[in-house]
C-alpha cells in the first residue's frame, strides 16, 4: 500500500458489516494505518458501541440483515447527534444500483465504496474525509 500510514494516527474507526471476513480485512487494513478500530456485526451492536465510544469514521456495509446501513446512519443522527455532526461516513456495497449515489448522500454518507474493496481507495477516501472534520 502506497499511503503514508502516519497520516491517520489517532483517528478512530467503527467498522460495521455482518460478514466476518470483511470486518477482519477492514480492521487489519485500518490498523496498518494506525487507526484505532472497533468492529460491529450489526446495527444494534454498532449503536451499543456508540453509546460508550466516539469514533471519527464510520465504515458501514449497506446490506445487512434486520437493520441496514441506511437505518444505522438514521439512528446515529437521532440518538447521537453530537457524534453525527463530525462523523465521516463511508458506505460499502457489493451491489451498485441506479440512484445509489443520491440515496447514500441523502442518508448522510459522504462516500460510497464498492466491494471488493481496493485498500488504497479506502485509505485515500478516509484521508480526504478526515481533512474536513
N, C-alpha and C. Protein backbone atom coordinates (compact mmCIF):
# COMPACT_ATOMS: atom_id res chain seq x y z
N UNK A 1 0.85 -1.17 0.00
CA UNK A 1 0.00 0.00 0.00
C UNK A 1 0.89 1.23 0.00
N UNK A 2 0.58 2.18 -0.83
CA UNK A 2 1.46 3.32 -1.04
C UNK A 2 1.15 4.52 -0.15
N UNK A 3 0.19 4.44 0.71
CA UNK A 3 -0.19 5.59 1.51
C UNK A 3 0.71 5.74 2.73
N UNK A 4 0.81 6.95 3.25
CA UNK A 4 1.60 7.24 4.43
C UNK A 4 0.79 6.84 5.66
N UNK A 5 1.24 5.81 6.36
CA UNK A 5 0.43 5.27 7.45
C UNK A 5 0.48 6.10 8.73
N UNK A 6 1.16 7.24 8.73
CA UNK A 6 1.13 8.09 9.91
C UNK A 6 0.06 9.17 9.81
N UNK A 7 -0.51 9.38 8.63
CA UNK A 7 -1.49 10.45 8.45
C UNK A 7 -2.78 10.22 9.24
N UNK A 8 -3.11 8.98 9.49
CA UNK A 8 -4.37 8.68 10.17
C UNK A 8 -4.18 8.28 11.64
N UNK A 9 -2.97 8.40 12.12
CA UNK A 9 -2.68 8.05 13.52
C UNK A 9 -3.56 8.88 14.45
N UNK A 10 -4.18 8.21 15.40
CA UNK A 10 -5.02 8.90 16.38
C UNK A 10 -6.49 8.95 16.02
N UNK A 11 -6.82 8.61 14.78
CA UNK A 11 -8.23 8.57 14.40
C UNK A 11 -8.84 7.25 14.82
N UNK A 12 -10.16 7.30 15.05
CA UNK A 12 -10.90 6.12 15.49
C UNK A 12 -11.93 5.75 14.44
N UNK A 13 -12.03 4.45 14.16
CA UNK A 13 -12.98 3.98 13.14
C UNK A 13 -13.87 2.88 13.71
N UNK A 14 -15.14 2.97 13.36
CA UNK A 14 -16.10 1.92 13.66
C UNK A 14 -16.45 1.24 12.34
N UNK A 15 -16.19 -0.05 12.26
CA UNK A 15 -16.46 -0.85 11.07
C UNK A 15 -17.68 -1.71 11.36
N UNK A 16 -18.70 -1.62 10.48
CA UNK A 16 -19.94 -2.36 10.69
C UNK A 16 -20.25 -3.17 9.44
N UNK A 17 -20.29 -4.48 9.61
CA UNK A 17 -20.59 -5.39 8.50
C UNK A 17 -20.97 -6.74 9.10
N UNK A 18 -21.95 -7.39 8.52
CA UNK A 18 -22.36 -8.69 9.03
C UNK A 18 -21.46 -9.82 8.52
N UNK A 19 -20.58 -9.52 7.56
CA UNK A 19 -19.66 -10.51 7.02
C UNK A 19 -18.35 -10.49 7.81
N UNK A 20 -18.08 -11.57 8.52
CA UNK A 20 -16.92 -11.65 9.41
C UNK A 20 -15.62 -11.41 8.64
N UNK A 21 -15.47 -12.02 7.48
CA UNK A 21 -14.24 -11.85 6.71
C UNK A 21 -14.02 -10.40 6.30
N UNK A 22 -15.07 -9.72 5.90
CA UNK A 22 -14.96 -8.30 5.54
C UNK A 22 -14.51 -7.46 6.72
N UNK A 23 -15.08 -7.74 7.87
CA UNK A 23 -14.71 -6.99 9.08
C UNK A 23 -13.24 -7.22 9.43
N UNK A 24 -12.81 -8.46 9.37
CA UNK A 24 -11.41 -8.77 9.70
C UNK A 24 -10.46 -8.05 8.73
N UNK A 25 -10.77 -8.10 7.45
CA UNK A 25 -9.93 -7.44 6.45
C UNK A 25 -9.89 -5.93 6.67
N UNK A 26 -11.05 -5.31 6.87
CA UNK A 26 -11.09 -3.87 7.09
C UNK A 26 -10.32 -3.49 8.36
N UNK A 27 -10.50 -4.25 9.41
CA UNK A 27 -9.83 -3.96 10.67
C UNK A 27 -8.30 -4.02 10.48
N UNK A 28 -7.82 -5.04 9.79
CA UNK A 28 -6.38 -5.15 9.55
C UNK A 28 -5.86 -3.99 8.71
N UNK A 29 -6.58 -3.65 7.64
CA UNK A 29 -6.17 -2.54 6.78
C UNK A 29 -6.08 -1.23 7.56
N UNK A 30 -7.09 -0.98 8.38
CA UNK A 30 -7.13 0.27 9.12
C UNK A 30 -6.08 0.31 10.23
N UNK A 31 -5.88 -0.80 10.90
CA UNK A 31 -4.86 -0.84 11.95
C UNK A 31 -3.46 -0.66 11.37
N UNK A 32 -3.23 -1.14 10.13
CA UNK A 32 -1.95 -0.90 9.45
C UNK A 32 -1.71 0.59 9.25
N UNK A 33 -2.79 1.36 9.20
CA UNK A 33 -2.70 2.81 9.01
C UNK A 33 -2.74 3.56 10.35
N UNK A 34 -2.60 2.81 11.43
CA UNK A 34 -2.53 3.36 12.78
C UNK A 34 -3.84 3.94 13.29
N UNK A 35 -4.96 3.45 12.76
CA UNK A 35 -6.26 3.85 13.30
C UNK A 35 -6.61 2.93 14.46
N UNK A 36 -7.36 3.46 15.42
CA UNK A 36 -7.94 2.64 16.46
C UNK A 36 -9.27 2.14 15.90
N UNK A 37 -9.48 0.83 15.90
CA UNK A 37 -10.64 0.25 15.22
C UNK A 37 -11.44 -0.63 16.18
N UNK A 38 -12.76 -0.42 16.15
CA UNK A 38 -13.69 -1.32 16.82
C UNK A 38 -14.66 -1.79 15.75
N UNK A 39 -15.01 -3.06 15.80
CA UNK A 39 -15.90 -3.61 14.79
C UNK A 39 -17.22 -4.07 15.41
N UNK A 40 -18.24 -4.02 14.57
CA UNK A 40 -19.58 -4.47 14.96
C UNK A 40 -20.15 -5.28 13.80
N UNK A 41 -20.97 -6.26 14.14
CA UNK A 41 -21.54 -7.15 13.13
C UNK A 41 -23.02 -6.89 12.87
N UNK A 42 -23.55 -5.84 13.49
CA UNK A 42 -24.96 -5.48 13.28
C UNK A 42 -25.15 -4.01 13.66
N UNK A 43 -26.27 -3.47 13.21
CA UNK A 43 -26.62 -2.10 13.56
C UNK A 43 -26.76 -1.96 15.08
N UNK A 44 -27.43 -2.90 15.71
CA UNK A 44 -27.63 -2.81 17.16
C UNK A 44 -26.30 -2.84 17.91
N UNK A 45 -25.39 -3.71 17.48
CA UNK A 45 -24.08 -3.76 18.13
C UNK A 45 -23.34 -2.43 17.93
N UNK A 46 -23.43 -1.85 16.74
CA UNK A 46 -22.80 -0.55 16.48
C UNK A 46 -23.37 0.53 17.38
N UNK A 47 -24.68 0.56 17.54
CA UNK A 47 -25.31 1.56 18.40
C UNK A 47 -24.89 1.39 19.86
N UNK A 48 -24.76 0.15 20.30
CA UNK A 48 -24.27 -0.11 21.66
C UNK A 48 -22.85 0.43 21.84
N UNK A 49 -22.01 0.23 20.84
CA UNK A 49 -20.64 0.74 20.90
C UNK A 49 -20.64 2.26 20.95
N UNK A 50 -21.49 2.89 20.13
CA UNK A 50 -21.54 4.35 20.08
C UNK A 50 -22.01 4.97 21.39
N UNK A 51 -22.72 4.22 22.20
CA UNK A 51 -23.14 4.77 23.49
C UNK A 51 -21.97 4.89 24.46
N UNK A 52 -20.82 4.23 24.12
CA UNK A 52 -19.66 4.24 25.02
C UNK A 52 -18.39 4.77 24.37
N UNK A 53 -18.40 4.91 23.05
CA UNK A 53 -17.17 5.20 22.31
C UNK A 53 -17.48 6.12 21.15
N UNK A 54 -16.64 7.09 20.91
CA UNK A 54 -16.89 8.09 19.88
C UNK A 54 -15.86 8.00 18.75
N UNK A 55 -16.23 7.38 17.63
CA UNK A 55 -15.28 7.28 16.50
C UNK A 55 -15.28 8.55 15.66
N UNK A 56 -14.27 8.66 14.82
CA UNK A 56 -14.18 9.75 13.85
C UNK A 56 -14.74 9.32 12.50
N UNK A 57 -14.69 8.01 12.24
CA UNK A 57 -15.05 7.45 10.94
C UNK A 57 -15.98 6.26 11.14
N UNK A 58 -17.04 6.21 10.35
CA UNK A 58 -17.93 5.06 10.30
C UNK A 58 -17.78 4.44 8.92
N UNK A 59 -17.51 3.15 8.88
CA UNK A 59 -17.47 2.41 7.62
C UNK A 59 -18.51 1.31 7.77
N UNK A 60 -19.60 1.43 7.01
CA UNK A 60 -20.71 0.51 7.19
C UNK A 60 -21.16 -0.11 5.88
N UNK A 61 -21.36 -1.41 5.93
CA UNK A 61 -21.99 -2.11 4.81
C UNK A 61 -23.44 -1.63 4.74
N UNK A 62 -23.96 -1.54 3.55
CA UNK A 62 -25.36 -1.13 3.40
C UNK A 62 -26.32 -2.29 3.59
N UNK A 63 -25.97 -3.45 3.05
CA UNK A 63 -26.88 -4.61 3.08
C UNK A 63 -26.56 -5.53 4.24
N UNK A 64 -27.32 -5.36 5.31
CA UNK A 64 -27.18 -6.24 6.47
C UNK A 64 -28.58 -6.72 6.86
N UNK A 65 -28.67 -7.91 7.42
CA UNK A 65 -29.98 -8.39 7.84
C UNK A 65 -30.52 -7.59 9.03
N UNK A 66 -31.78 -7.63 9.22
CA UNK A 66 -32.51 -6.97 10.30
C UNK A 66 -32.53 -5.46 10.12
N UNK A 67 -31.37 -4.81 10.12
CA UNK A 67 -31.28 -3.36 10.00
C UNK A 67 -30.07 -3.01 9.15
N UNK A 68 -30.27 -2.23 8.10
CA UNK A 68 -29.19 -1.97 7.15
C UNK A 68 -28.38 -0.72 7.50
N UNK A 69 -27.39 -0.42 6.66
CA UNK A 69 -26.53 0.74 6.88
C UNK A 69 -27.27 2.07 6.83
N UNK A 70 -28.31 2.15 6.00
CA UNK A 70 -29.12 3.38 5.95
C UNK A 70 -29.81 3.62 7.29
N UNK A 71 -30.36 2.56 7.85
CA UNK A 71 -31.02 2.65 9.15
C UNK A 71 -30.03 3.03 10.24
N UNK A 72 -28.83 2.48 10.16
CA UNK A 72 -27.80 2.79 11.15
C UNK A 72 -27.50 4.29 11.15
N UNK A 73 -27.28 4.87 9.99
CA UNK A 73 -26.97 6.30 9.92
C UNK A 73 -28.13 7.14 10.42
N UNK A 74 -29.34 6.75 10.09
CA UNK A 74 -30.52 7.47 10.57
C UNK A 74 -30.59 7.41 12.10
N UNK A 75 -30.35 6.25 12.67
CA UNK A 75 -30.39 6.13 14.13
C UNK A 75 -29.26 6.90 14.80
N UNK A 76 -28.09 6.93 14.18
CA UNK A 76 -26.98 7.73 14.72
C UNK A 76 -27.38 9.19 14.74
N UNK A 77 -27.97 9.66 13.65
CA UNK A 77 -28.39 11.07 13.56
C UNK A 77 -29.35 11.42 14.70
N UNK A 78 -30.28 10.53 15.00
CA UNK A 78 -31.30 10.82 16.02
C UNK A 78 -30.81 10.58 17.45
N UNK A 79 -30.01 9.56 17.66
CA UNK A 79 -29.60 9.20 19.02
C UNK A 79 -28.28 9.80 19.46
N UNK A 80 -27.41 10.09 18.49
CA UNK A 80 -26.06 10.56 18.81
C UNK A 80 -25.72 11.78 17.95
N UNK A 81 -26.49 12.83 18.07
CA UNK A 81 -26.34 13.99 17.18
C UNK A 81 -24.96 14.64 17.29
N UNK A 82 -24.36 14.66 18.47
CA UNK A 82 -23.02 15.26 18.61
C UNK A 82 -21.99 14.44 17.84
N UNK A 83 -22.09 13.14 17.91
CA UNK A 83 -21.18 12.27 17.15
C UNK A 83 -21.46 12.43 15.66
N UNK A 84 -22.72 12.45 15.30
CA UNK A 84 -23.12 12.51 13.89
C UNK A 84 -22.57 13.74 13.20
N UNK A 85 -22.53 14.86 13.88
CA UNK A 85 -22.10 16.13 13.28
C UNK A 85 -20.67 16.09 12.76
N UNK A 86 -19.83 15.30 13.38
CA UNK A 86 -18.42 15.28 12.98
C UNK A 86 -17.97 13.92 12.45
N UNK A 87 -18.89 12.99 12.33
CA UNK A 87 -18.55 11.62 11.92
C UNK A 87 -18.45 11.52 10.40
N UNK A 88 -17.29 11.11 9.92
CA UNK A 88 -17.11 10.83 8.49
C UNK A 88 -17.74 9.46 8.22
N UNK A 89 -18.61 9.39 7.21
CA UNK A 89 -19.37 8.15 6.98
C UNK A 89 -19.10 7.60 5.58
N UNK A 90 -18.66 6.34 5.55
CA UNK A 90 -18.39 5.65 4.30
C UNK A 90 -19.32 4.45 4.20
N UNK A 91 -20.03 4.38 3.08
CA UNK A 91 -20.92 3.25 2.81
C UNK A 91 -20.19 2.23 1.95
N UNK A 92 -20.41 0.96 2.25
CA UNK A 92 -19.85 -0.13 1.45
C UNK A 92 -20.98 -0.94 0.84
N UNK A 93 -20.81 -1.34 -0.41
CA UNK A 93 -21.81 -2.20 -1.03
C UNK A 93 -21.18 -3.04 -2.12
N UNK A 94 -21.74 -4.20 -2.30
CA UNK A 94 -21.33 -5.06 -3.42
C UNK A 94 -22.29 -4.88 -4.59
N UNK A 95 -23.40 -4.22 -4.35
CA UNK A 95 -24.46 -4.08 -5.35
C UNK A 95 -24.71 -2.61 -5.65
N UNK A 96 -24.18 -2.15 -6.76
CA UNK A 96 -24.39 -0.76 -7.16
C UNK A 96 -25.61 -0.71 -8.07
N UNK A 97 -26.58 0.08 -7.67
CA UNK A 97 -27.81 0.20 -8.45
C UNK A 97 -27.98 1.66 -8.89
N UNK A 98 -28.80 1.88 -9.91
CA UNK A 98 -29.06 3.27 -10.33
C UNK A 98 -29.62 4.07 -9.15
N UNK A 99 -29.13 5.25 -8.99
CA UNK A 99 -29.62 6.12 -7.92
C UNK A 99 -28.97 5.91 -6.57
N UNK A 100 -28.04 4.96 -6.46
CA UNK A 100 -27.44 4.66 -5.16
C UNK A 100 -26.65 5.85 -4.62
N UNK A 101 -26.01 6.61 -5.50
CA UNK A 101 -25.21 7.74 -5.01
C UNK A 101 -26.09 8.80 -4.36
N UNK A 102 -27.25 9.07 -4.93
CA UNK A 102 -28.14 10.05 -4.29
C UNK A 102 -28.73 9.47 -3.01
N UNK A 103 -29.00 8.17 -2.99
CA UNK A 103 -29.52 7.54 -1.77
C UNK A 103 -28.53 7.64 -0.62
N UNK A 104 -27.27 7.35 -0.90
CA UNK A 104 -26.30 7.38 0.20
C UNK A 104 -26.06 8.82 0.66
N UNK A 105 -26.08 9.75 -0.26
CA UNK A 105 -25.91 11.16 0.09
C UNK A 105 -27.07 11.65 0.95
N UNK A 106 -28.29 11.32 0.55
CA UNK A 106 -29.47 11.72 1.33
C UNK A 106 -29.46 11.07 2.71
N UNK A 107 -28.93 9.87 2.80
CA UNK A 107 -28.89 9.17 4.09
C UNK A 107 -27.87 9.80 5.04
N UNK A 108 -26.85 10.46 4.48
CA UNK A 108 -25.84 11.08 5.32
C UNK A 108 -24.44 10.54 5.14
N UNK A 109 -24.27 9.57 4.24
CA UNK A 109 -22.92 9.09 3.93
C UNK A 109 -22.24 10.10 3.01
N UNK A 110 -20.94 10.26 3.18
CA UNK A 110 -20.19 11.15 2.30
C UNK A 110 -19.58 10.42 1.11
N UNK A 111 -19.33 9.12 1.27
CA UNK A 111 -18.62 8.35 0.25
C UNK A 111 -19.24 6.97 0.12
N UNK A 112 -19.23 6.46 -1.12
CA UNK A 112 -19.65 5.10 -1.40
C UNK A 112 -18.48 4.35 -2.00
N UNK A 113 -18.14 3.21 -1.41
CA UNK A 113 -17.10 2.34 -1.96
C UNK A 113 -17.72 0.99 -2.26
N UNK A 114 -17.24 0.38 -3.33
CA UNK A 114 -17.80 -0.91 -3.73
C UNK A 114 -16.87 -2.04 -3.35
N UNK A 115 -17.49 -3.17 -3.05
CA UNK A 115 -16.76 -4.40 -2.78
C UNK A 115 -16.59 -5.15 -4.08
N UNK A 116 -15.51 -5.84 -4.30
CA UNK A 116 -14.36 -5.94 -3.39
C UNK A 116 -13.61 -4.60 -3.32
N UNK A 117 -13.14 -4.31 -2.15
CA UNK A 117 -12.51 -3.03 -1.86
C UNK A 117 -11.05 -3.01 -2.26
N UNK A 118 -10.63 -1.91 -2.83
CA UNK A 118 -9.21 -1.67 -3.09
C UNK A 118 -8.66 -0.96 -1.85
N UNK A 119 -7.66 -1.53 -1.19
CA UNK A 119 -7.14 -0.91 0.04
C UNK A 119 -6.72 0.55 -0.13
N UNK A 120 -6.01 0.87 -1.20
CA UNK A 120 -5.58 2.26 -1.40
C UNK A 120 -6.76 3.21 -1.54
N UNK A 121 -7.82 2.75 -2.22
CA UNK A 121 -9.01 3.58 -2.39
C UNK A 121 -9.67 3.87 -1.05
N UNK A 122 -9.75 2.86 -0.21
CA UNK A 122 -10.32 3.05 1.13
C UNK A 122 -9.52 4.07 1.93
N UNK A 123 -8.21 3.89 1.98
CA UNK A 123 -7.37 4.78 2.79
C UNK A 123 -7.40 6.20 2.24
N UNK A 124 -7.34 6.35 0.93
CA UNK A 124 -7.40 7.69 0.34
C UNK A 124 -8.74 8.36 0.62
N UNK A 125 -9.82 7.59 0.58
CA UNK A 125 -11.15 8.14 0.90
C UNK A 125 -11.21 8.62 2.34
N UNK A 126 -10.67 7.84 3.24
CA UNK A 126 -10.66 8.23 4.65
C UNK A 126 -9.83 9.51 4.83
N UNK A 127 -8.66 9.54 4.22
CA UNK A 127 -7.80 10.72 4.35
C UNK A 127 -8.51 11.98 3.85
N UNK A 128 -9.22 11.88 2.74
CA UNK A 128 -9.96 13.04 2.22
C UNK A 128 -11.05 13.48 3.19
N UNK A 129 -11.77 12.51 3.74
CA UNK A 129 -12.88 12.85 4.64
C UNK A 129 -12.41 13.46 5.95
N UNK A 130 -11.36 12.93 6.54
CA UNK A 130 -10.95 13.45 7.85
C UNK A 130 -10.25 14.80 7.76
N UNK A 131 -9.84 15.20 6.58
CA UNK A 131 -9.29 16.55 6.40
C UNK A 131 -10.32 17.61 6.75
N UNK A 132 -11.59 17.27 6.57
CA UNK A 132 -12.66 18.25 6.73
C UNK A 132 -13.39 18.14 8.05
N UNK A 133 -12.97 17.22 8.93
CA UNK A 133 -13.64 17.08 10.22
C UNK A 133 -13.00 17.94 11.27
